[in-house]
Amino acid sequence: MRDLLALSMANPTEPRIDAALALYKQAGWELMGYTADDTLVGVLGIEVTDYGRGTIRHIAVDPAYRRRGIAATMIQLAMHNLRIQHLRAEAGADAVGFFRRLGCEVVSLGVGDDGVERFSCAWSPT
């Protein structure tokens, strides 16, 4: 779990991974895993807020299992199981295509102090 969670983080360190895991012990924070071949290959962390709203905080799939629809399946299952109707995420340029394929509206948040452009990705039923 820790290795996969680290894949979803910028500059993962042991203290940052510990802090992320601690978030999921709080009410409203859900960390889910996806297995294939009896191996944990994906993680999805969502903060569930009021009235069917959720924010993806962490998402990662083992590189050997990517491009198989695992991330999209995790999101669909989470939305169904947690009754989320409006979903958002903040993502880097490398994930924008994925979120667009899911039907998210993608808007640039600009370039941060770290020189990296971030994007807001939002999905709501039409």
Protein backbone atom coordinates (compact mmCIF):
# COMPACT_ATOMS: atom_id res chain seq x y z
CA MET A 1 0.00 0.00 0.00
CA ARG A 2 2.76 2.44 0.92
CA ASP A 3 4.58 1.98 -2.39
CA LEU A 4 1.43 2.61 -4.39
CA LEU A 5 0.47 5.60 -2.28
CA ALA A 6 3.97 7.00 -2.86
CA LEU A 7 3.33 6.83 -6.64
CA SER A 8 0.44 9.25 -6.17
CA MET A 9 2.53 11.85 -4.35
CA ALA A 10 4.98 14.51 -5.40
CA ASN A 11 8.25 14.07 -3.50
CA PRO A 12 7.13 11.15 -1.33
CA THR A 13 9.04 10.71 1.91
CA GLU A 14 8.30 8.33 4.76
CA PRO A 15 6.88 11.14 6.94
CA ARG A 16 4.67 12.37 4.07
CA ILE A 17 3.40 8.84 3.39
CA ASP A 18 2.69 8.39 7.13
CA ALA A 19 0.80 11.71 7.18
CA ALA A 20 -1.26 10.69 4.14
CA LEU A 21 -2.15 7.34 5.69
CA ALA A 22 -3.20 9.11 8.90
CA LEU A 23 -5.74 11.16 6.93
CA TYR A 24 -7.63 7.99 6.04
CA LYS A 25 -8.26 7.22 9.70
CA GLN A 26 -10.53 10.27 9.86
CA ALA A 27 -14.26 10.23 9.22
CA GLY A 28 -15.06 11.01 5.61
CA TRP A 29 -11.72 9.84 4.23
CA GLU A 30 -11.72 6.54 2.33
CA LEU A 31 -8.68 4.62 1.06
CA MET A 32 -9.47 1.73 -1.26
CA GLY A 33 -7.35 -0.87 -2.95
CA TYR A 34 -7.73 -2.79 -6.21
CA THR A 35 -6.29 -6.26 -6.62
CA ALA A 36 -5.40 -8.26 -9.72
CA ASP A 37 -3.69 -11.63 -9.74
CA ASP A 38 -3.96 -11.63 -5.91
CA THR A 39 -1.76 -8.52 -5.80
CA LEU A 40 -2.60 -4.98 -4.72
CA VAL A 41 -2.15 -2.99 -7.94
CA GLY A 42 -4.14 0.19 -7.35
CA VAL A 43 -5.11 2.64 -4.61
CA LEU A 44 -7.69 5.38 -4.54
CA GLY A 45 -8.07 7.85 -1.70
CA ILE A 46 -11.15 10.04 -1.57
CA GLU A 47 -12.31 12.68 0.87
CA VAL A 48 -16.09 12.49 0.97
CA THR A 49 -17.80 15.73 1.86
CA ASP A 50 -21.41 16.69 2.20
CA TYR A 51 -24.24 15.86 -0.14
CA GLY A 52 -22.63 13.42 -2.55
CA ARG A 53 -19.41 15.32 -3.16
CA GLY A 54 -15.95 13.83 -3.14
CA THR A 55 -12.39 14.87 -3.85
CA ILE A 56 -9.75 12.46 -5.07
CA ARG A 57 -6.72 12.96 -2.84
CA HIS A 58 -4.59 10.03 -4.06
CA ILE A 59 -4.80 7.69 -7.03
CA ALA A 60 -2.17 5.34 -8.38
CA VAL A 61 -1.86 2.10 -10.33
CA ASP A 62 1.22 -0.11 -10.41
CA PRO A 63 3.05 0.74 -13.68
CA ALA A 64 2.92 -2.92 -14.77
CA TYR A 65 -0.91 -2.78 -14.65
CA ARG A 66 -1.56 0.61 -16.22
CA ARG A 67 -3.69 1.21 -19.31
CA ARG A 68 -6.11 -1.57 -18.33
CA GLY A 69 -8.91 0.63 -17.00
CA ILE A 70 -8.07 0.01 -13.35
CA ALA A 71 -8.06 3.67 -12.29
CA ALA A 72 -11.37 4.35 -14.04
CA THR A 73 -12.88 1.23 -12.48
CA MET A 74 -11.73 2.27 -9.00
CA ILE A 75 -13.32 5.69 -9.47
CA GLN A 76 -16.60 4.21 -10.75
CA LEU A 77 -16.77 1.75 -7.85
CA ALA A 78 -16.00 4.45 -5.30
CA MET A 79 -18.61 6.80 -6.72
CA HIS A 80 -21.20 4.03 -6.59
CA ASN A 81 -20.29 2.63 -3.16
CA LEU A 82 -19.87 6.04 -1.51
CA ARG A 83 -22.82 7.60 -3.35
CA ILE A 84 -20.71 10.37 -4.83
CA GLN A 85 -22.41 12.41 -7.54
CA HIS A 86 -19.90 15.25 -7.90
CA LEU A 87 -16.21 14.43 -8.03
CA ARG A 88 -13.16 16.62 -8.28
CA ALA A 89 -9.41 16.20 -8.31
CA GLU A 90 -6.33 18.34 -8.64
CA ALA A 91 -3.87 16.90 -11.12
CA GLY A 92 -0.69 17.54 -13.02
CA ALA A 93 -0.42 17.72 -16.80
CA ASP A 94 0.41 14.00 -16.97
CA ALA A 95 -3.08 13.07 -15.69
CA VAL A 96 -5.20 15.61 -17.58
CA GLY A 97 -5.88 13.27 -20.50
CA PHE A 98 -7.10 10.56 -18.15
CA PHE A 99 -9.54 12.89 -16.42
CA ARG A 100 -10.78 14.30 -19.74
CA ARG A 101 -11.50 10.74 -20.95
CA LEU A 102 -13.60 10.26 -17.81
CA GLY A 103 -15.66 13.26 -18.86
CA CYS A 104 -14.21 15.75 -16.40
CA GLU A 105 -14.11 19.44 -17.06
CA VAL A 106 -10.45 20.42 -16.80
CA VAL A 107 -9.32 23.96 -15.92
CA SER A 108 -5.78 25.19 -15.37
CA LEU A 109 -5.02 26.44 -11.87
CA GLY A 110 -1.81 28.01 -13.12
CA VAL A 111 1.80 27.35 -12.31
CA GLY A 112 2.69 26.99 -8.65
CA ASP A 113 5.79 28.11 -6.78
CA ASP A 114 7.36 24.78 -7.73
CA GLY A 115 7.09 25.66 -11.44
CA VAL A 116 4.51 22.91 -12.12
CA GLU A 117 1.15 23.64 -13.71
CA ARG A 118 -1.80 22.12 -11.83
CA PHE A 119 -5.33 21.50 -13.07
CA SER A 120 -8.75 21.26 -11.47
CA CYS A 121 -10.69 18.28 -12.82
CA ALA A 122 -14.41 18.11 -12.03
CA TRP A 123 -17.14 15.63 -12.92
CA SER A 124 -20.85 16.09 -12.37
CA PRO A 125 -23.81 14.32 -13.93
CA THR A 126 -25.29 16.13 -16.90
